[in-house]
Amino acid sequence: MAKTILIQVQNKIATCLTEEPLVCDNSDYVVNFQFDSEWSEHSLKTARFRTNGTYVDVVFDGTECPVPPVSDAKILWVGVYA
């Protein structure tokens, strides 16, 4: 079963509500975004996962997005845009 990272997006600010460490090289994480009403007109969104100077974009529909495997990272930045 996938582990969920909860991110709230309100007034164009994303805030992580999950305080659990991630294990590198795992593919069993998903991000569940809680969007404010500003996002209601956008069905397709793109999550950007950035670490170590590189990034991976994942296009998704709805509020849940798989986290791509992350290697050798101490910090994972997550953003979203439509």
PDB file of N, CA and C in Angstrom:
ATOM      1  N   MET A   1       0.842  -1.190   0.000  1.00  0.00           N
ATOM      2  CA  MET A   1       0.000   0.000   0.000  1.00  0.00           C
ATOM      3  C   MET A   1       0.886   1.252   0.000  1.00  0.00           C
ATOM      4  N   ALA A   2       0.520   2.195  -0.830  1.00  0.00           N
ATOM      5  CA  ALA A   2       1.320   3.420  -0.964  1.00  0.00           C
ATOM      6  C   ALA A   2       1.201   4.304   0.271  1.00  0.00           C
ATOM      7  N   LYS A   3       2.288   4.976   0.598  1.00  0.00           N
ATOM      8  CA  LYS A   3       2.293   5.949   1.688  1.00  0.00           C
ATOM      9  C   LYS A   3       1.910   7.304   1.100  1.00  0.00           C
ATOM     10  N   THR A   4       1.099   8.064   1.837  1.00  0.00           N
ATOM     11  CA  THR A   4       0.564   9.320   1.324  1.00  0.00           C
ATOM     12  C   THR A   4       1.248  10.518   1.961  1.00  0.00           C
ATOM     13  N   ILE A   5       1.641  11.449   1.102  1.00  0.00           N
ATOM     14  CA  ILE A   5       2.156  12.746   1.528  1.00  0.00           C
ATOM     15  C   ILE A   5       1.042  13.745   1.265  1.00  0.00           C
ATOM     16  N   LEU A   6       0.613  14.452   2.274  1.00  0.00           N
ATOM     17  CA  LEU A   6      -0.495  15.389   2.156  1.00  0.00           C
ATOM     18  C   LEU A   6       0.040  16.806   1.997  1.00  0.00           C
ATOM     19  N   ILE A   7      -0.366  17.478   0.900  1.00  0.00           N
ATOM     20  CA  ILE A   7       0.055  18.850   0.643  1.00  0.00           C
ATOM     21  C   ILE A   7      -1.177  19.712   0.406  1.00  0.00           C
ATOM     22  N   GLN A   8      -1.291  20.760   1.196  1.00  0.00           N
ATOM     23  CA  GLN A   8      -2.401  21.704   1.071  1.00  0.00           C
ATOM     24  C   GLN A   8      -1.946  22.880   0.207  1.00  0.00           C
ATOM     25  N   VAL A   9      -2.779  23.266  -0.763  1.00  0.00           N
ATOM     26  CA  VAL A   9      -2.459  24.401  -1.634  1.00  0.00           C
ATOM     27  C   VAL A   9      -3.570  25.436  -1.473  1.00  0.00           C
ATOM     28  N   GLN A  10      -3.227  26.547  -0.819  1.00  0.00           N
ATOM     29  CA  GLN A  10      -4.187  27.632  -0.596  1.00  0.00           C
ATOM     30  C   GLN A  10      -3.511  28.956  -0.896  1.00  0.00           C
ATOM     31  N   ASN A  11      -4.222  29.822  -1.613  1.00  0.00           N
ATOM     32  CA  ASN A  11      -3.691  31.144  -1.954  1.00  0.00           C
ATOM     33  C   ASN A  11      -2.318  31.065  -2.609  1.00  0.00           C
ATOM     34  N   LYS A  12      -2.163  30.066  -3.492  1.00  0.00           N
ATOM     35  CA  LYS A  12      -0.922  29.853  -4.256  1.00  0.00           C
ATOM     36  C   LYS A  12       0.270  29.427  -3.401  1.00  0.00           C
ATOM     37  N   ILE A  13       0.021  28.966  -2.184  1.00  0.00           N
ATOM     38  CA  ILE A  13       1.090  28.504  -1.298  1.00  0.00           C
ATOM     39  C   ILE A  13       0.857  27.029  -0.976  1.00  0.00           C
ATOM     40  N   ALA A  14       1.871  26.204  -1.256  1.00  0.00           N
ATOM     41  CA  ALA A  14       1.809  24.775  -0.953  1.00  0.00           C
ATOM     42  C   ALA A  14       2.469  24.524   0.400  1.00  0.00           C
ATOM     43  N   THR A  15       1.768  23.794   1.263  1.00  0.00           N
ATOM     44  CA  THR A  15       2.271  23.471   2.590  1.00  0.00           C
ATOM     45  C   THR A  15       2.163  21.973   2.815  1.00  0.00           C
ATOM     46  N   CYS A  16       3.279  21.347   3.147  1.00  0.00           N
ATOM     47  CA  CYS A  16       3.273  19.914   3.432  1.00  0.00           C
ATOM     48  C   CYS A  16       2.710  19.686   4.829  1.00  0.00           C
ATOM     49  N   LEU A  17       1.698  18.822   4.920  1.00  0.00           N
ATOM     50  CA  LEU A  17       1.064  18.524   6.202  1.00  0.00           C
ATOM     51  C   LEU A  17       1.538  17.191   6.769  1.00  0.00           C
ATOM     52  N   THR A  18       2.444  16.529   6.071  1.00  0.00           N
ATOM     53  CA  THR A  18       2.968  15.236   6.493  1.00  0.00           C
ATOM     54  C   THR A  18       4.385  15.409   6.999  1.00  0.00           C
ATOM     55  N   GLU A  19       4.660  14.923   8.188  1.00  0.00           N
ATOM     56  CA  GLU A  19       6.007  15.020   8.755  1.00  0.00           C
ATOM     57  C   GLU A  19       6.592  13.631   8.934  1.00  0.00           C
ATOM     58  N   GLU A  20       6.715  12.946   7.827  1.00  0.00           N
ATOM     59  CA  GLU A  20       7.268  11.600   7.849  1.00  0.00           C
ATOM     60  C   GLU A  20       8.416  11.541   6.855  1.00  0.00           C
ATOM     61  N   PRO A  21       9.541  10.970   7.228  1.00  0.00           N
ATOM     62  CA  PRO A  21      10.659  10.892   6.281  1.00  0.00           C
ATOM     63  C   PRO A  21      10.326   9.955   5.118  1.00  0.00           C
ATOM     64  N   LEU A  22      10.903  10.255   3.974  1.00  0.00           N
ATOM     65  CA  LEU A  22      10.755   9.397   2.802  1.00  0.00           C
ATOM     66  C   LEU A  22      12.007   8.548   2.660  1.00  0.00           C
ATOM     67  N   VAL A  23      11.840   7.355   2.160  1.00  0.00           N
ATOM     68  CA  VAL A  23      12.967   6.454   1.943  1.00  0.00           C
ATOM     69  C   VAL A  23      13.337   6.521   0.470  1.00  0.00           C
ATOM     70  N   CYS A  24      14.598   6.838   0.185  1.00  0.00           N
ATOM     71  CA  CYS A  24      15.051   6.967  -1.203  1.00  0.00           C
ATOM     72  C   CYS A  24      14.898   5.656  -1.965  1.00  0.00           C
ATOM     73  N   ASP A  25      14.728   5.793  -3.281  1.00  0.00           N
ATOM     74  CA  ASP A  25      14.616   4.686  -4.230  1.00  0.00           C
ATOM     75  C   ASP A  25      13.358   3.846  -4.049  1.00  0.00           C
ATOM     76  N   ASN A  26      12.363   4.361  -3.355  1.00  0.00           N
ATOM     77  CA  ASN A  26      11.085   3.668  -3.225  1.00  0.00           C
ATOM     78  C   ASN A  26      10.093   4.265  -4.209  1.00  0.00           C
ATOM     79  N   SER A  27       9.175   3.454  -4.680  1.00  0.00           N
ATOM     80  CA  SER A  27       8.162   3.939  -5.611  1.00  0.00           C
ATOM     81  C   SER A  27       6.760   3.788  -5.029  1.00  0.00           C
ATOM     82  N   ASP A  28       6.678   3.714  -3.710  1.00  0.00           N
ATOM     83  CA  ASP A  28       5.364   3.488  -3.093  1.00  0.00           C
ATOM     84  C   ASP A  28       4.849   4.718  -2.339  1.00  0.00           C
ATOM     85  N   TYR A  29       5.100   5.907  -2.891  1.00  0.00           N
ATOM     86  CA  TYR A  29       4.604   7.146  -2.301  1.00  0.00           C
ATOM     87  C   TYR A  29       3.671   7.843  -3.280  1.00  0.00           C
ATOM     88  N   VAL A  30       2.641   8.468  -2.751  1.00  0.00           N
ATOM     89  CA  VAL A  30       1.758   9.325  -3.545  1.00  0.00           C
ATOM     90  C   VAL A  30       1.593  10.639  -2.808  1.00  0.00           C
ATOM     91  N   VAL A  31       1.350  11.704  -3.583  1.00  0.00           N
ATOM     92  CA  VAL A  31       1.023  12.992  -2.993  1.00  0.00           C
ATOM     93  C   VAL A  31      -0.470  13.198  -3.167  1.00  0.00           C
ATOM     94  N   ASN A  32      -1.128  13.556  -2.087  1.00  0.00           N
ATOM     95  CA  ASN A  32      -2.534  13.927  -2.138  1.00  0.00           C
ATOM     96  C   ASN A  32      -2.589  15.428  -1.899  1.00  0.00           C
ATOM     97  N   PHE A  33      -2.982  16.171  -2.936  1.00  0.00           N
ATOM     98  CA  PHE A  33      -3.082  17.618  -2.843  1.00  0.00           C
ATOM     99  C   PHE A  33      -4.474  18.017  -2.383  1.00  0.00           C
ATOM    100  N   GLN A  34      -4.535  18.942  -1.454  1.00  0.00           N
ATOM    101  CA  GLN A  34      -5.805  19.555  -1.043  1.00  0.00           C
ATOM    102  C   GLN A  34      -5.817  20.956  -1.637  1.00  0.00           C
ATOM    103  N   PHE A  35      -6.561  21.130  -2.728  1.00  0.00           N
ATOM    104  CA  PHE A  35      -6.576  22.395  -3.445  1.00  0.00           C
ATOM    105  C   PHE A  35      -7.704  23.303  -2.978  1.00  0.00           C
ATOM    106  N   ASP A  36      -7.452  24.619  -2.972  1.00  0.00           N
ATOM    107  CA  ASP A  36      -8.531  25.560  -2.696  1.00  0.00           C
ATOM    108  C   ASP A  36      -9.361  25.744  -3.974  1.00  0.00           C
ATOM    109  N   SER A  37     -10.396  26.556  -3.904  1.00  0.00           N
ATOM    110  CA  SER A  37     -11.349  26.691  -5.001  1.00  0.00           C
ATOM    111  C   SER A  37     -10.726  27.265  -6.274  1.00  0.00           C
ATOM    112  N   GLU A  38      -9.609  27.936  -6.162  1.00  0.00           N
ATOM    113  CA  GLU A  38      -8.935  28.498  -7.335  1.00  0.00           C
ATOM    114  C   GLU A  38      -8.581  27.416  -8.364  1.00  0.00           C
ATOM    115  N   TRP A  39      -8.388  26.203  -7.903  1.00  0.00           N
ATOM    116  CA  TRP A  39      -7.972  25.102  -8.767  1.00  0.00           C
ATOM    117  C   TRP A  39      -9.136  24.350  -9.400  1.00  0.00           C
ATOM    118  N   SER A  40     -10.364  24.680  -9.044  1.00  0.00           N
ATOM    119  CA  SER A  40     -11.511  23.885  -9.483  1.00  0.00           C
ATOM    120  C   SER A  40     -11.688  23.858 -11.005  1.00  0.00           C
ATOM    121  N   GLU A  41     -11.221  24.864 -11.714  1.00  0.00           N
ATOM    122  CA  GLU A  41     -11.365  24.884 -13.172  1.00  0.00           C
ATOM    123  C   GLU A  41     -10.267  24.104 -13.894  1.00  0.00           C
ATOM    124  N   HIS A  42      -9.288  23.593 -13.167  1.00  0.00           N
ATOM    125  CA  HIS A  42      -8.162  22.864 -13.768  1.00  0.00           C
ATOM    126  C   HIS A  42      -8.243  21.382 -13.417  1.00  0.00           C
ATOM    127  N   SER A  43      -8.572  20.568 -14.411  1.00  0.00           N
ATOM    128  CA  SER A  43      -8.593  19.130 -14.123  1.00  0.00           C
ATOM    129  C   SER A  43      -7.184  18.547 -14.240  1.00  0.00           C
ATOM    130  N   LEU A  44      -6.465  18.914 -15.298  1.00  0.00           N
ATOM    131  CA  LEU A  44      -5.091  18.437 -15.457  1.00  0.00           C
ATOM    132  C   LEU A  44      -4.118  19.365 -14.754  1.00  0.00           C
ATOM    133  N   LYS A  45      -3.206  18.765 -14.004  1.00  0.00           N
ATOM    134  CA  LYS A  45      -2.197  19.523 -13.264  1.00  0.00           C
ATOM    135  C   LYS A  45      -0.849  18.842 -13.457  1.00  0.00           C
ATOM    136  N   THR A  46       0.223  19.552 -13.113  1.00  0.00           N
ATOM    137  CA  THR A  46       1.563  18.984 -13.182  1.00  0.00           C
ATOM    138  C   THR A  46       2.250  19.179 -11.841  1.00  0.00           C
ATOM    139  N   ALA A  47       2.715  18.087 -11.267  1.00  0.00           N
ATOM    140  CA  ALA A  47       3.506  18.158 -10.035  1.00  0.00           C
ATOM    141  C   ALA A  47       4.977  18.124 -10.434  1.00  0.00           C
ATOM    142  N   ARG A  48       5.752  18.984  -9.805  1.00  0.00           N
ATOM    143  CA  ARG A  48       7.195  19.017 -10.074  1.00  0.00           C
ATOM    144  C   ARG A  48       7.931  18.561  -8.817  1.00  0.00           C
ATOM    145  N   PHE A  49       8.749  17.526  -8.972  1.00  0.00           N
ATOM    146  CA  PHE A  49       9.553  16.977  -7.884  1.00  0.00           C
ATOM    147  C   PHE A  49      11.004  17.341  -8.170  1.00  0.00           C
ATOM    148  N   ARG A  50      11.608  18.127  -7.274  1.00  0.00           N
ATOM    149  CA  ARG A  50      12.963  18.642  -7.516  1.00  0.00           C
ATOM    150  C   ARG A  50      13.890  18.239  -6.381  1.00  0.00           C
ATOM    151  N   THR A  51      15.063  17.763  -6.758  1.00  0.00           N
ATOM    152  CA  THR A  51      16.096  17.421  -5.794  1.00  0.00           C
ATOM    153  C   THR A  51      17.447  17.371  -6.502  1.00  0.00           C
ATOM    154  N   ASN A  52      18.488  17.710  -5.794  1.00  0.00           N
ATOM    155  CA  ASN A  52      19.861  17.643  -6.311  1.00  0.00           C
ATOM    156  C   ASN A  52      20.037  18.355  -7.650  1.00  0.00           C
ATOM    157  N   GLY A  53      19.346  19.478  -7.851  1.00  0.00           N
ATOM    158  CA  GLY A  53      19.519  20.259  -9.065  1.00  0.00           C
ATOM    159  C   GLY A  53      18.776  19.753 -10.286  1.00  0.00           C
ATOM    160  N   THR A  54      18.008  18.686 -10.141  1.00  0.00           N
ATOM    161  CA  THR A  54      17.220  18.168 -11.262  1.00  0.00           C
ATOM    162  C   THR A  54      15.757  18.072 -10.844  1.00  0.00           C
ATOM    163  N   TYR A  55      14.886  17.879 -11.821  1.00  0.00           N
ATOM    164  CA  TYR A  55      13.478  17.727 -11.490  1.00  0.00           C
ATOM    165  C   TYR A  55      12.800  16.738 -12.424  1.00  0.00           C
ATOM    166  N   VAL A  56      11.665  16.225 -11.955  1.00  0.00           N
ATOM    167  CA  VAL A  56      10.801  15.350 -12.744  1.00  0.00           C
ATOM    168  C   VAL A  56       9.398  15.920 -12.645  1.00  0.00           C
ATOM    169  N   ASP A  57       8.742  16.098 -13.802  1.00  0.00           N
ATOM    170  CA  ASP A  57       7.355  16.545 -13.829  1.00  0.00           C
ATOM    171  C   ASP A  57       6.445  15.347 -14.022  1.00  0.00           C
ATOM    172  N   VAL A  58       5.327  15.324 -13.279  1.00  0.00           N
ATOM    173  CA  VAL A  58       4.340  14.257 -13.398  1.00  0.00           C
ATOM    174  C   VAL A  58       2.981  14.912 -13.639  1.00  0.00           C
ATOM    175  N   VAL A  59       2.383  14.628 -14.791  1.00  0.00           N
ATOM    176  CA  VAL A  59       1.058  15.154 -15.118  1.00  0.00           C
ATOM    177  C   VAL A  59       0.024  14.223 -14.495  1.00  0.00           C
ATOM    178  N   PHE A  60      -1.004  14.825 -13.881  1.00  0.00           N
ATOM    179  CA  PHE A  60      -2.038  14.025 -13.236  1.00  0.00           C
ATOM    180  C   PHE A  60      -3.383  14.715 -13.327  1.00  0.00           C
ATOM    181  N   ASP A  61      -4.430  13.963 -13.105  1.00  0.00           N
ATOM    182  CA  ASP A  61      -5.801  14.454 -13.114  1.00  0.00           C
ATOM    183  C   ASP A  61      -6.382  14.224 -11.727  1.00  0.00           C
ATOM    184  N   GLY A  62      -7.036  15.216 -11.180  1.00  0.00           N
ATOM    185  CA  GLY A  62      -7.628  15.057  -9.855  1.00  0.00           C
ATOM    186  C   GLY A  62      -6.757  15.634  -8.767  1.00  0.00           C
ATOM    187  N   THR A  63      -6.604  14.887  -7.670  1.00  0.00           N
ATOM    188  CA  THR A  63      -5.857  15.404  -6.524  1.00  0.00           C
ATOM    189  C   THR A  63      -4.696  14.520  -6.094  1.00  0.00           C
ATOM    190  N   GLU A  64      -4.539  13.349  -6.716  1.00  0.00           N
ATOM    191  CA  GLU A  64      -3.499  12.429  -6.275  1.00  0.00           C
ATOM    192  C   GLU A  64      -2.490  12.169  -7.389  1.00  0.00           C
ATOM    193  N   CYS A  65      -1.213  12.122  -6.995  1.00  0.00           N
ATOM    194  CA  CYS A  65      -0.132  12.001  -7.960  1.00  0.00           C
ATOM    195  C   CYS A  65       0.939  11.062  -7.405  1.00  0.00           C
ATOM    196  N   PRO A  66       1.444  10.119  -8.219  1.00  0.00           N
ATOM    197  CA  PRO A  66       2.538   9.265  -7.740  1.00  0.00           C
ATOM    198  C   PRO A  66       3.840  10.055  -7.631  1.00  0.00           C
ATOM    199  N   VAL A  67       4.639   9.734  -6.641  1.00  0.00           N
ATOM    200  CA  VAL A  67       5.953  10.348  -6.484  1.00  0.00           C
ATOM    201  C   VAL A  67       6.953   9.486  -7.249  1.00  0.00           C
ATOM    202  N   PRO A  68       7.721  10.083  -8.169  1.00  0.00           N
ATOM    203  CA  PRO A  68       8.719   9.282  -8.883  1.00  0.00           C
ATOM    204  C   PRO A  68       9.816   8.836  -7.911  1.00  0.00           C
ATOM    205  N   PRO A  69      10.486   7.728  -8.181  1.00  0.00           N
ATOM    206  CA  PRO A  69      11.574   7.304  -7.301  1.00  0.00           C
ATOM    207  C   PRO A  69      12.642   8.398  -7.185  1.00  0.00           C
ATOM    208  N   VAL A  70      13.099   8.623  -5.975  1.00  0.00           N
ATOM    209  CA  VAL A  70      14.098   9.651  -5.681  1.00  0.00           C
ATOM    210  C   VAL A  70      15.333   8.955  -5.136  1.00  0.00           C
ATOM    211  N   SER A  71      16.505   9.318  -5.679  1.00  0.00           N
ATOM    212  CA  SER A  71      17.751   8.687  -5.247  1.00  0.00           C
ATOM    213  C   SER A  71      18.677   9.696  -4.599  1.00  0.00           C
ATOM    214  N   ASP A  72      19.365   9.261  -3.566  1.00  0.00           N
ATOM    215  CA  ASP A  72      20.447  10.027  -2.952  1.00  0.00           C
ATOM    216  C   ASP A  72      20.068  11.486  -2.678  1.00  0.00           C
ATOM    217  N   ALA A  73      18.986  11.689  -1.959  1.00  0.00           N
ATOM    218  CA  ALA A  73      18.510  13.053  -1.689  1.00  0.00           C
ATOM    219  C   ALA A  73      18.273  13.259  -0.200  1.00  0.00           C
ATOM    220  N   LYS A  74      18.554  14.444   0.250  1.00  0.00           N
ATOM    221  CA  LYS A  74      18.247  14.808   1.631  1.00  0.00           C
ATOM    222  C   LYS A  74      16.987  15.659   1.705  1.00  0.00           C
ATOM    223  N   ILE A  75      16.680  16.381   0.602  1.00  0.00           N
ATOM    224  CA  ILE A  75      15.495  17.227   0.545  1.00  0.00           C
ATOM    225  C   ILE A  75      14.795  16.985  -0.778  1.00  0.00           C
ATOM    226  N   LEU A  76      13.469  16.877  -0.726  1.00  0.00           N
ATOM    227  CA  LEU A  76      12.635  16.755  -1.919  1.00  0.00           C
ATOM    228  C   LEU A  76      11.688  17.943  -1.926  1.00  0.00           C
ATOM    229  N   TRP A  77      11.772  18.769  -2.956  1.00  0.00           N
ATOM    230  CA  TRP A  77      10.872  19.896  -3.122  1.00  0.00           C
ATOM    231  C   TRP A  77       9.734  19.466  -4.029  1.00  0.00           C
ATOM    232  N   VAL A  78       8.510  19.823  -3.660  1.00  0.00           N
ATOM    233  CA  VAL A  78       7.345  19.476  -4.463  1.00  0.00           C
ATOM    234  C   VAL A  78       6.560  20.741  -4.763  1.00  0.00           C
ATOM    235  N   GLY A  79       6.262  20.946  -6.025  1.00  0.00           N
ATOM    236  CA  GLY A  79       5.431  22.067  -6.444  1.00  0.00           C
ATOM    237  C   GLY A  79       4.357  21.559  -7.383  1.00  0.00           C
ATOM    238  N   VAL A  80       3.399  22.412  -7.699  1.00  0.00           N
ATOM    239  CA  VAL A  80       2.320  22.013  -8.603  1.00  0.00           C
ATOM    240  C   VAL A  80       1.891  23.232  -9.413  1.00  0.00           C
ATOM    241  N   TYR A  81       1.551  22.973 -10.665  1.00  0.00           N
ATOM    242  CA  TYR A  81       1.026  24.044 -11.513  1.00  0.00           C
ATOM    243  C   TYR A  81       0.019  23.457 -12.498  1.00  0.00           C
ATOM    244  N   ALA A  82      -0.801  24.362 -13.082  1.00  0.00           N
ATOM    245  CA  ALA A  82      -1.816  23.934 -14.049  1.00  0.00           C
ATOM    246  C   ALA A  82      -1.637  24.739 -15.319  1.00  0.00           C
TER     247      ALA A  82
END
